[in-house]
N, C-alpha and C. Protein backbone atom coordinates (compact mmCIF):
# COMPACT_ATOMS: atom_id res chain seq x y z
N MET A 1 70.52 61.32 144.52
CA MET A 1 71.01 62.50 143.83
C MET A 1 71.77 63.38 144.82
N LYS A 2 72.90 63.93 144.36
CA LYS A 2 73.72 64.78 145.23
C LYS A 2 73.40 66.25 145.01
N PHE A 3 73.43 66.98 146.13
CA PHE A 3 73.24 68.42 146.12
C PHE A 3 74.26 69.05 147.04
N VAL A 4 74.44 70.34 146.89
CA VAL A 4 75.36 71.07 147.77
C VAL A 4 74.58 72.20 148.42
N ALA A 5 74.69 72.28 149.74
CA ALA A 5 74.08 73.37 150.51
C ALA A 5 75.17 74.38 150.83
N PHE A 6 74.87 75.63 150.58
CA PHE A 6 75.79 76.73 150.89
C PHE A 6 75.11 77.61 151.93
N LEU A 7 75.63 77.57 153.15
CA LEU A 7 75.08 78.39 154.22
C LEU A 7 75.81 79.73 154.24
N ARG A 8 75.05 80.77 154.46
CA ARG A 8 75.61 82.13 154.46
C ARG A 8 76.14 82.48 155.85
N ASN A 9 77.30 83.15 155.88
CA ASN A 9 77.91 83.67 157.11
C ASN A 9 78.09 82.59 158.18
N VAL A 10 78.62 81.46 157.80
CA VAL A 10 78.84 80.37 158.74
C VAL A 10 80.33 80.08 158.84
N ASN A 11 80.79 79.91 160.06
CA ASN A 11 82.13 79.44 160.36
C ASN A 11 81.93 78.37 161.44
N LEU A 12 82.02 77.13 161.05
CA LEU A 12 81.67 76.03 161.94
C LEU A 12 82.29 76.17 163.32
N GLY A 13 81.44 76.00 164.34
CA GLY A 13 81.88 76.03 165.72
C GLY A 13 81.89 77.42 166.35
N GLN A 14 81.66 78.46 165.58
CA GLN A 14 81.63 79.83 166.11
C GLN A 14 80.22 80.16 166.58
N PRO A 15 80.05 81.24 167.36
CA PRO A 15 78.71 81.62 167.83
C PRO A 15 77.71 81.75 166.68
N ARG A 16 76.52 81.22 166.90
CA ARG A 16 75.42 81.21 165.93
C ARG A 16 75.74 80.41 164.67
N SER A 17 76.78 79.60 164.73
CA SER A 17 77.13 78.67 163.66
C SER A 17 77.15 77.27 164.25
N PRO A 18 76.73 76.29 163.47
CA PRO A 18 76.76 74.92 163.98
C PRO A 18 78.17 74.36 164.01
N THR A 19 78.34 73.28 164.73
CA THR A 19 79.56 72.49 164.62
C THR A 19 79.39 71.59 163.39
N ARG A 20 80.46 70.95 162.99
CA ARG A 20 80.38 70.01 161.85
C ARG A 20 79.32 68.92 162.14
N GLY A 21 79.36 68.38 163.34
CA GLY A 21 78.40 67.34 163.72
C GLY A 21 76.97 67.83 163.68
N GLN A 22 76.73 69.04 164.21
CA GLN A 22 75.37 69.59 164.20
C GLN A 22 74.88 69.83 162.77
N LEU A 23 75.75 70.33 161.92
CA LEU A 23 75.37 70.59 160.53
C LEU A 23 74.99 69.30 159.82
N GLU A 24 75.83 68.30 159.91
CA GLU A 24 75.54 67.03 159.25
C GLU A 24 74.30 66.38 159.83
N ALA A 25 74.17 66.38 161.17
CA ALA A 25 73.01 65.77 161.83
C ALA A 25 71.71 66.46 161.43
N ALA A 26 71.74 67.78 161.28
CA ALA A 26 70.53 68.52 160.91
C ALA A 26 70.03 68.08 159.53
N PHE A 27 70.94 67.90 158.60
CA PHE A 27 70.52 67.47 157.26
C PHE A 27 70.01 66.03 157.27
N LEU A 28 70.65 65.18 158.05
CA LEU A 28 70.17 63.80 158.15
C LEU A 28 68.80 63.76 158.81
N GLN A 29 68.62 64.52 159.87
CA GLN A 29 67.33 64.58 160.55
C GLN A 29 66.25 65.17 159.64
N ALA A 30 66.65 66.07 158.74
CA ALA A 30 65.71 66.71 157.83
C ALA A 30 65.34 65.83 156.64
N GLY A 31 65.98 64.66 156.52
CA GLY A 31 65.60 63.72 155.47
C GLY A 31 66.67 63.37 154.46
N ALA A 32 67.86 63.91 154.59
CA ALA A 32 68.94 63.55 153.66
C ALA A 32 69.36 62.10 153.90
N ASP A 33 69.73 61.41 152.84
CA ASP A 33 70.23 60.04 152.94
C ASP A 33 71.68 60.02 153.41
N ALA A 34 72.42 61.09 153.07
CA ALA A 34 73.83 61.23 153.48
C ALA A 34 74.12 62.72 153.56
N ALA A 35 75.08 63.10 154.41
CA ALA A 35 75.46 64.50 154.55
C ALA A 35 76.93 64.57 154.96
N ALA A 36 77.70 65.37 154.25
CA ALA A 36 79.12 65.52 154.56
C ALA A 36 79.52 66.98 154.45
N SER A 37 79.94 67.54 155.57
CA SER A 37 80.41 68.91 155.58
C SER A 37 81.71 69.00 154.79
N PHE A 38 81.90 70.12 154.12
CA PHE A 38 83.11 70.35 153.33
C PHE A 38 83.70 71.67 153.78
N MET A 39 84.87 71.64 154.37
CA MET A 39 85.55 72.81 154.92
C MET A 39 84.77 73.33 156.14
N THR A 40 85.10 74.55 156.58
CA THR A 40 84.44 75.10 157.78
C THR A 40 83.53 76.27 157.44
N ASN A 41 83.32 76.53 156.16
CA ASN A 41 82.58 77.72 155.74
C ASN A 41 81.09 77.50 155.52
N GLY A 42 80.54 76.39 155.98
CA GLY A 42 79.12 76.16 155.81
C GLY A 42 78.76 75.59 154.45
N THR A 43 79.61 74.76 153.90
CA THR A 43 79.34 74.07 152.64
C THR A 43 79.15 72.60 152.97
N LEU A 44 78.09 72.00 152.45
CA LEU A 44 77.76 70.62 152.79
C LEU A 44 77.22 69.90 151.56
N VAL A 45 77.72 68.71 151.29
CA VAL A 45 77.21 67.85 150.22
C VAL A 45 76.22 66.89 150.86
N PHE A 46 75.03 66.79 150.27
CA PHE A 46 74.02 65.88 150.80
C PHE A 46 73.30 65.16 149.67
N SER A 47 72.69 64.04 150.02
CA SER A 47 71.97 63.23 149.04
C SER A 47 70.52 63.07 149.44
N VAL A 48 69.66 63.11 148.46
CA VAL A 48 68.24 62.80 148.63
C VAL A 48 67.84 61.95 147.43
N SER A 49 66.73 61.25 147.54
CA SER A 49 66.34 60.32 146.49
C SER A 49 65.81 61.00 145.23
N ARG A 50 65.23 62.19 145.37
CA ARG A 50 64.68 62.90 144.21
C ARG A 50 65.04 64.38 144.31
N SER A 51 65.26 65.00 143.17
CA SER A 51 65.70 66.40 143.16
C SER A 51 64.70 67.33 143.82
N ARG A 52 63.42 67.04 143.71
CA ARG A 52 62.44 67.96 144.29
C ARG A 52 62.48 67.96 145.82
N LEU A 53 63.16 67.00 146.42
CA LEU A 53 63.27 66.95 147.88
C LEU A 53 64.41 67.81 148.42
N ALA A 54 65.33 68.24 147.58
CA ALA A 54 66.54 68.92 148.03
C ALA A 54 66.25 70.24 148.76
N SER A 55 65.43 71.09 148.19
CA SER A 55 65.15 72.39 148.81
C SER A 55 64.41 72.23 150.13
N GLY A 56 63.45 71.31 150.17
CA GLY A 56 62.71 71.07 151.40
C GLY A 56 63.60 70.52 152.50
N THR A 57 64.52 69.66 152.14
CA THR A 57 65.47 69.11 153.11
C THR A 57 66.33 70.23 153.68
N ALA A 58 66.83 71.09 152.81
CA ALA A 58 67.67 72.22 153.27
C ALA A 58 66.87 73.17 154.15
N ARG A 59 65.62 73.42 153.79
CA ARG A 59 64.77 74.32 154.59
C ARG A 59 64.55 73.74 155.99
N ARG A 60 64.24 72.44 156.06
CA ARG A 60 64.03 71.79 157.36
C ARG A 60 65.34 71.77 158.17
N ALA A 61 66.45 71.52 157.52
CA ALA A 61 67.74 71.51 158.21
C ALA A 61 68.04 72.88 158.79
N ARG A 62 67.72 73.93 158.05
CA ARG A 62 67.94 75.29 158.56
C ARG A 62 67.08 75.55 159.79
N GLU A 63 65.85 75.09 159.78
CA GLU A 63 64.97 75.25 160.96
C GLU A 63 65.54 74.51 162.16
N ILE A 64 66.06 73.32 161.93
CA ILE A 64 66.69 72.55 163.02
C ILE A 64 67.90 73.31 163.55
N LEU A 65 68.73 73.82 162.66
CA LEU A 65 69.93 74.55 163.06
C LEU A 65 69.58 75.84 163.81
N SER A 66 68.48 76.44 163.45
CA SER A 66 68.03 77.63 164.18
C SER A 66 67.75 77.29 165.64
N GLN A 67 67.13 76.14 165.87
CA GLN A 67 66.82 75.70 167.23
C GLN A 67 68.07 75.24 167.98
N VAL A 68 68.96 74.55 167.28
CA VAL A 68 70.14 73.96 167.91
C VAL A 68 71.21 74.99 168.26
N CYS A 69 71.48 75.93 167.32
CA CYS A 69 72.59 76.86 167.55
C CYS A 69 72.25 78.32 167.29
N GLY A 70 71.01 78.60 166.95
CA GLY A 70 70.62 79.98 166.72
C GLY A 70 70.91 80.50 165.31
N LEU A 71 71.20 79.61 164.38
CA LEU A 71 71.49 80.02 163.00
C LEU A 71 70.30 80.79 162.42
N GLN A 72 70.56 81.95 161.88
CA GLN A 72 69.51 82.76 161.27
C GLN A 72 69.74 82.98 159.78
N GLU A 73 70.83 82.51 159.27
CA GLU A 73 71.22 82.77 157.89
C GLU A 73 70.53 81.80 156.92
N PRO A 74 70.37 82.22 155.66
CA PRO A 74 69.75 81.34 154.66
C PRO A 74 70.69 80.23 154.20
N VAL A 75 70.08 79.23 153.58
CA VAL A 75 70.80 78.11 152.98
C VAL A 75 70.40 78.07 151.51
N PHE A 76 71.39 78.01 150.63
CA PHE A 76 71.13 77.95 149.19
C PHE A 76 71.59 76.59 148.67
N VAL A 77 70.81 76.01 147.75
CA VAL A 77 71.07 74.66 147.26
C VAL A 77 71.36 74.68 145.77
N GLN A 78 72.37 73.91 145.38
CA GLN A 78 72.69 73.70 143.97
C GLN A 78 72.88 72.22 143.72
N SER A 79 72.58 71.80 142.53
CA SER A 79 72.80 70.42 142.11
C SER A 79 74.30 70.16 142.01
N PHE A 80 74.77 69.07 142.62
CA PHE A 80 76.17 68.69 142.50
C PHE A 80 76.50 68.43 141.03
N GLY A 81 75.58 67.80 140.31
CA GLY A 81 75.80 67.51 138.89
C GLY A 81 76.05 68.76 138.08
N TYR A 82 75.28 69.82 138.37
CA TYR A 82 75.48 71.08 137.65
C TYR A 82 76.84 71.69 137.97
N LEU A 83 77.23 71.64 139.25
CA LEU A 83 78.54 72.16 139.62
C LEU A 83 79.65 71.36 138.94
N ALA A 84 79.49 70.06 138.84
CA ALA A 84 80.48 69.22 138.16
C ALA A 84 80.55 69.56 136.67
N GLU A 85 79.40 69.81 136.05
CA GLU A 85 79.38 70.22 134.63
C GLU A 85 80.11 71.54 134.44
N LEU A 86 79.86 72.49 135.33
CA LEU A 86 80.55 73.78 135.25
C LEU A 86 82.06 73.61 135.40
N ALA A 87 82.47 72.79 136.35
CA ALA A 87 83.89 72.56 136.57
C ALA A 87 84.55 71.98 135.32
N ALA A 88 83.87 71.05 134.68
CA ALA A 88 84.41 70.43 133.46
C ALA A 88 84.46 71.42 132.30
N GLU A 89 83.53 72.34 132.29
CA GLU A 89 83.45 73.33 131.22
C GLU A 89 84.53 74.41 131.32
N ASP A 90 84.98 74.71 132.52
CA ASP A 90 85.95 75.78 132.78
C ASP A 90 85.42 77.13 132.29
N PRO A 91 84.38 77.64 132.94
CA PRO A 91 83.76 78.90 132.51
C PRO A 91 84.65 80.13 132.68
N PHE A 92 85.75 79.99 133.41
CA PHE A 92 86.65 81.12 133.61
C PHE A 92 87.75 81.19 132.55
N ALA A 93 87.77 80.28 131.61
CA ALA A 93 88.80 80.25 130.56
C ALA A 93 88.94 81.58 129.83
N PRO A 94 87.84 82.29 129.53
CA PRO A 94 88.01 83.58 128.83
C PRO A 94 88.83 84.62 129.62
N PHE A 95 89.02 84.40 130.91
CA PHE A 95 89.74 85.35 131.74
C PHE A 95 91.14 84.85 132.11
N ALA A 96 91.62 83.83 131.40
CA ALA A 96 92.90 83.21 131.74
C ALA A 96 94.06 84.19 131.68
N THR A 97 94.02 85.15 130.78
CA THR A 97 95.13 86.07 130.64
C THR A 97 94.87 87.41 131.33
N ALA A 98 93.68 87.59 131.87
CA ALA A 98 93.34 88.86 132.53
C ALA A 98 93.98 88.92 133.92
N ALA A 99 94.16 90.13 134.41
CA ALA A 99 94.66 90.33 135.77
C ALA A 99 93.50 90.09 136.74
N VAL A 100 93.42 88.86 137.24
CA VAL A 100 92.31 88.45 138.10
C VAL A 100 92.87 88.04 139.46
N ALA A 101 92.32 88.60 140.52
CA ALA A 101 92.75 88.24 141.87
C ALA A 101 92.07 86.97 142.34
N GLU A 102 90.83 86.76 141.93
CA GLU A 102 90.07 85.58 142.38
C GLU A 102 88.94 85.30 141.39
N ARG A 103 88.60 84.03 141.29
CA ARG A 103 87.43 83.58 140.53
C ARG A 103 86.43 83.09 141.56
N CYS A 104 85.16 83.48 141.41
CA CYS A 104 84.18 83.21 142.46
C CYS A 104 82.88 82.64 141.92
N ALA A 105 82.21 81.88 142.79
CA ALA A 105 80.85 81.41 142.55
C ALA A 105 80.00 81.91 143.71
N SER A 106 78.91 82.59 143.40
CA SER A 106 78.03 83.13 144.43
C SER A 106 76.66 82.46 144.33
N PHE A 107 76.01 82.30 145.47
CA PHE A 107 74.76 81.56 145.56
C PHE A 107 73.70 82.41 146.23
N PHE A 108 72.46 82.26 145.74
CA PHE A 108 71.33 83.04 146.23
C PHE A 108 70.05 82.33 145.80
N GLU A 109 68.90 82.88 146.19
CA GLU A 109 67.62 82.26 145.81
C GLU A 109 67.46 82.29 144.29
N PRO A 110 67.08 81.19 143.67
CA PRO A 110 66.98 81.12 142.21
C PRO A 110 66.08 82.19 141.59
N GLU A 111 64.99 82.57 142.28
CA GLU A 111 64.07 83.56 141.71
C GLU A 111 64.75 84.90 141.49
N ALA A 112 65.78 85.20 142.25
CA ALA A 112 66.47 86.49 142.15
C ALA A 112 67.29 86.60 140.86
N THR A 113 67.58 85.50 140.22
CA THR A 113 68.42 85.51 139.02
C THR A 113 67.85 86.43 137.94
N ALA A 114 66.54 86.49 137.83
CA ALA A 114 65.90 87.31 136.81
C ALA A 114 66.19 88.80 136.98
N ARG A 115 66.59 89.22 138.18
CA ARG A 115 66.88 90.63 138.44
C ARG A 115 68.31 91.03 138.05
N LEU A 116 69.09 90.08 137.58
CA LEU A 116 70.47 90.37 137.20
C LEU A 116 70.57 90.74 135.73
N GLY A 117 71.15 91.88 135.46
CA GLY A 117 71.50 92.24 134.10
C GLY A 117 72.99 91.99 133.94
N LEU A 118 73.35 91.18 132.96
CA LEU A 118 74.75 90.82 132.80
C LEU A 118 75.32 91.38 131.51
N PRO A 119 76.58 91.71 131.50
CA PRO A 119 77.50 91.63 132.63
C PRO A 119 77.19 92.72 133.66
N LEU A 120 77.53 92.44 134.91
CA LEU A 120 77.34 93.37 136.01
C LEU A 120 78.72 93.70 136.57
N GLU A 121 79.08 94.96 136.54
CA GLU A 121 80.40 95.35 137.03
C GLU A 121 80.26 96.38 138.14
N SER A 122 81.09 96.24 139.16
CA SER A 122 81.06 97.18 140.28
C SER A 122 81.54 98.56 139.82
N ASP A 123 81.15 99.57 140.57
CA ASP A 123 81.55 100.94 140.24
C ASP A 123 83.07 101.09 140.20
N ARG A 124 83.77 100.39 141.09
CA ARG A 124 85.24 100.46 141.15
C ARG A 124 85.93 99.61 140.08
N LYS A 125 85.15 98.85 139.32
CA LYS A 125 85.69 97.96 138.29
C LYS A 125 86.53 96.83 138.89
N ASP A 126 86.27 96.52 140.17
CA ASP A 126 87.04 95.46 140.83
C ASP A 126 86.27 94.14 140.91
N CYS A 127 85.06 94.11 140.37
CA CYS A 127 84.25 92.88 140.35
C CYS A 127 83.42 92.86 139.07
N LEU A 128 83.48 91.73 138.37
CA LEU A 128 82.69 91.54 137.15
C LEU A 128 81.93 90.23 137.26
N VAL A 129 80.60 90.32 137.33
CA VAL A 129 79.74 89.14 137.30
C VAL A 129 79.40 88.91 135.84
N PHE A 130 79.80 87.78 135.29
CA PHE A 130 79.67 87.57 133.86
C PHE A 130 78.69 86.47 133.46
N ARG A 131 78.22 85.71 134.44
CA ARG A 131 77.31 84.61 134.10
C ARG A 131 76.44 84.29 135.30
N ALA A 132 75.16 83.95 135.03
CA ALA A 132 74.25 83.57 136.12
C ALA A 132 73.20 82.61 135.59
N ARG A 133 72.82 81.70 136.48
CA ARG A 133 71.76 80.74 136.16
C ARG A 133 71.22 80.18 137.47
N ALA A 134 69.92 80.25 137.65
CA ALA A 134 69.20 79.58 138.74
C ALA A 134 69.89 79.65 140.10
N GLY A 135 70.16 80.87 140.56
CA GLY A 135 70.71 81.02 141.89
C GLY A 135 72.21 80.87 142.02
N LEU A 136 72.92 80.92 140.90
CA LEU A 136 74.38 80.82 140.91
C LEU A 136 74.94 81.87 139.94
N ALA A 137 75.87 82.67 140.42
CA ALA A 137 76.52 83.66 139.57
C ALA A 137 78.03 83.44 139.61
N LEU A 138 78.66 83.60 138.47
CA LEU A 138 80.11 83.47 138.37
C LEU A 138 80.71 84.85 138.16
N SER A 139 81.83 85.10 138.82
CA SER A 139 82.44 86.42 138.73
C SER A 139 83.96 86.32 138.87
N ILE A 140 84.59 87.38 138.44
CA ILE A 140 86.02 87.56 138.70
C ILE A 140 86.17 88.84 139.52
N VAL A 141 87.19 88.86 140.35
CA VAL A 141 87.49 90.07 141.10
C VAL A 141 88.93 90.47 140.82
N ARG A 142 89.15 91.77 140.87
CA ARG A 142 90.46 92.34 140.59
C ARG A 142 90.90 93.19 141.78
N GLU A 143 92.18 93.44 141.82
CA GLU A 143 92.72 94.36 142.81
C GLU A 143 92.76 95.76 142.18
N VAL A 144 92.14 96.71 142.86
CA VAL A 144 92.14 98.10 142.40
C VAL A 144 92.59 98.97 143.58
N ASN A 145 93.65 99.71 143.38
CA ASN A 145 94.19 100.58 144.43
C ASN A 145 94.41 99.84 145.75
N GLY A 146 94.94 98.62 145.65
CA GLY A 146 95.29 97.84 146.84
C GLY A 146 94.12 97.12 147.50
N LYS A 147 92.92 97.20 146.93
CA LYS A 147 91.75 96.51 147.49
C LYS A 147 91.18 95.55 146.46
N ILE A 148 90.84 94.34 146.94
CA ILE A 148 90.27 93.32 146.07
C ILE A 148 88.75 93.38 146.16
N GLY A 149 88.11 93.31 145.02
CA GLY A 149 86.64 93.35 144.95
C GLY A 149 86.02 92.13 145.61
N TYR A 150 84.70 92.21 145.83
CA TYR A 150 83.98 91.11 146.48
C TYR A 150 82.58 91.01 145.88
N PRO A 151 82.26 89.89 145.22
CA PRO A 151 80.98 89.79 144.52
C PRO A 151 79.76 89.77 145.43
N THR A 152 79.89 89.30 146.67
CA THR A 152 78.73 89.23 147.54
C THR A 152 78.09 90.61 147.69
N LEU A 153 78.89 91.63 147.94
CA LEU A 153 78.35 92.97 148.13
C LEU A 153 77.70 93.50 146.86
N VAL A 154 78.34 93.29 145.73
CA VAL A 154 77.80 93.75 144.45
C VAL A 154 76.46 93.07 144.17
N LEU A 155 76.41 91.77 144.38
CA LEU A 155 75.19 91.02 144.10
C LEU A 155 74.07 91.34 145.10
N GLU A 156 74.40 91.45 146.38
CA GLU A 156 73.36 91.78 147.36
C GLU A 156 72.74 93.14 147.08
N LYS A 157 73.56 94.09 146.70
CA LYS A 157 73.05 95.43 146.37
C LYS A 157 72.13 95.36 145.15
N THR A 158 72.51 94.62 144.15
CA THR A 158 71.73 94.52 142.91
C THR A 158 70.45 93.71 143.12
N LEU A 159 70.56 92.59 143.83
CA LEU A 159 69.42 91.69 144.00
C LEU A 159 68.49 92.11 145.14
N GLY A 160 69.04 92.85 146.10
CA GLY A 160 68.24 93.18 147.29
C GLY A 160 67.92 91.94 148.09
N ALA A 161 68.86 90.97 148.07
CA ALA A 161 68.63 89.68 148.73
C ALA A 161 69.98 89.14 149.21
N PRO A 162 69.95 88.22 150.20
CA PRO A 162 71.19 87.63 150.70
C PRO A 162 71.92 86.79 149.64
N VAL A 163 73.24 86.80 149.74
CA VAL A 163 74.11 86.06 148.83
C VAL A 163 75.26 85.48 149.65
N THR A 164 75.78 84.35 149.25
CA THR A 164 77.02 83.83 149.83
C THR A 164 77.94 83.44 148.69
N THR A 165 79.24 83.58 148.92
CA THR A 165 80.22 83.37 147.85
C THR A 165 81.30 82.38 148.30
N ARG A 166 81.74 81.56 147.36
CA ARG A 166 82.88 80.67 147.57
C ARG A 166 83.87 80.91 146.43
N SER A 167 85.13 80.68 146.71
CA SER A 167 86.12 80.78 145.63
C SER A 167 85.90 79.62 144.67
N TRP A 168 86.26 79.83 143.42
CA TRP A 168 86.12 78.77 142.43
C TRP A 168 87.02 77.59 142.78
N ARG A 169 88.16 77.85 143.40
CA ARG A 169 89.04 76.76 143.83
C ARG A 169 88.31 75.85 144.83
N THR A 170 87.50 76.42 145.70
CA THR A 170 86.72 75.61 146.65
C THR A 170 85.74 74.72 145.91
N ILE A 171 85.08 75.27 144.90
CA ILE A 171 84.12 74.48 144.12
C ILE A 171 84.84 73.34 143.40
N LEU A 172 86.00 73.63 142.84
CA LEU A 172 86.76 72.58 142.14
C LEU A 172 87.19 71.47 143.09
N ARG A 173 87.66 71.84 144.29
CA ARG A 173 88.05 70.83 145.29
C ARG A 173 86.85 70.00 145.73
N LEU A 174 85.72 70.65 145.93
CA LEU A 174 84.50 69.95 146.34
C LEU A 174 84.09 68.93 145.26
N VAL A 175 84.08 69.35 144.01
CA VAL A 175 83.70 68.46 142.91
C VAL A 175 84.66 67.28 142.84
N LYS A 176 85.94 67.55 142.95
CA LYS A 176 86.94 66.47 142.87
C LYS A 176 86.76 65.47 144.02
N ARG A 177 86.54 65.97 145.23
CA ARG A 177 86.41 65.08 146.38
C ARG A 177 85.13 64.24 146.35
N HIS A 178 84.04 64.80 145.87
CA HIS A 178 82.75 64.09 145.94
C HIS A 178 82.28 63.50 144.61
N ALA A 179 83.14 63.52 143.60
CA ALA A 179 82.76 62.95 142.29
C ALA A 179 82.59 61.45 142.36
């Protein structure tokens, strides 16, 4: 079964961030059957034999990365199958004609999802979180007075927990490459 790990605040090869090799090796050492880094932002596709092993594998990989490169940031896991279903569904279709600067997917601990009241809009009206399920929130951001909104800040403030965000284009490319 395929899963995707989203590491927060990672830029491969930078201080306190792993290299591509370290990231992939950590997941393999932690029990993944396969691991492939995607881009340099701390996104990795990995395989395990059963879904219940995915979170434990990511947790062990994070511990290894902490020892190897000093990584202190959380790792969030989503099912590749669910991301592929979302991509096929096109959840951003209702916003096709809206003035949208970016479409985003944000990741966090699944338990935090219950603390989200939707829709959630930023005070500046530059970010609208319109959908959430099990540690994944979808949002659009707009440009207001020359500044583009950012869902990570809106969600972290609301959830009181760490969040990491990827553009929807990144998710679509990931699904296409690893399908």
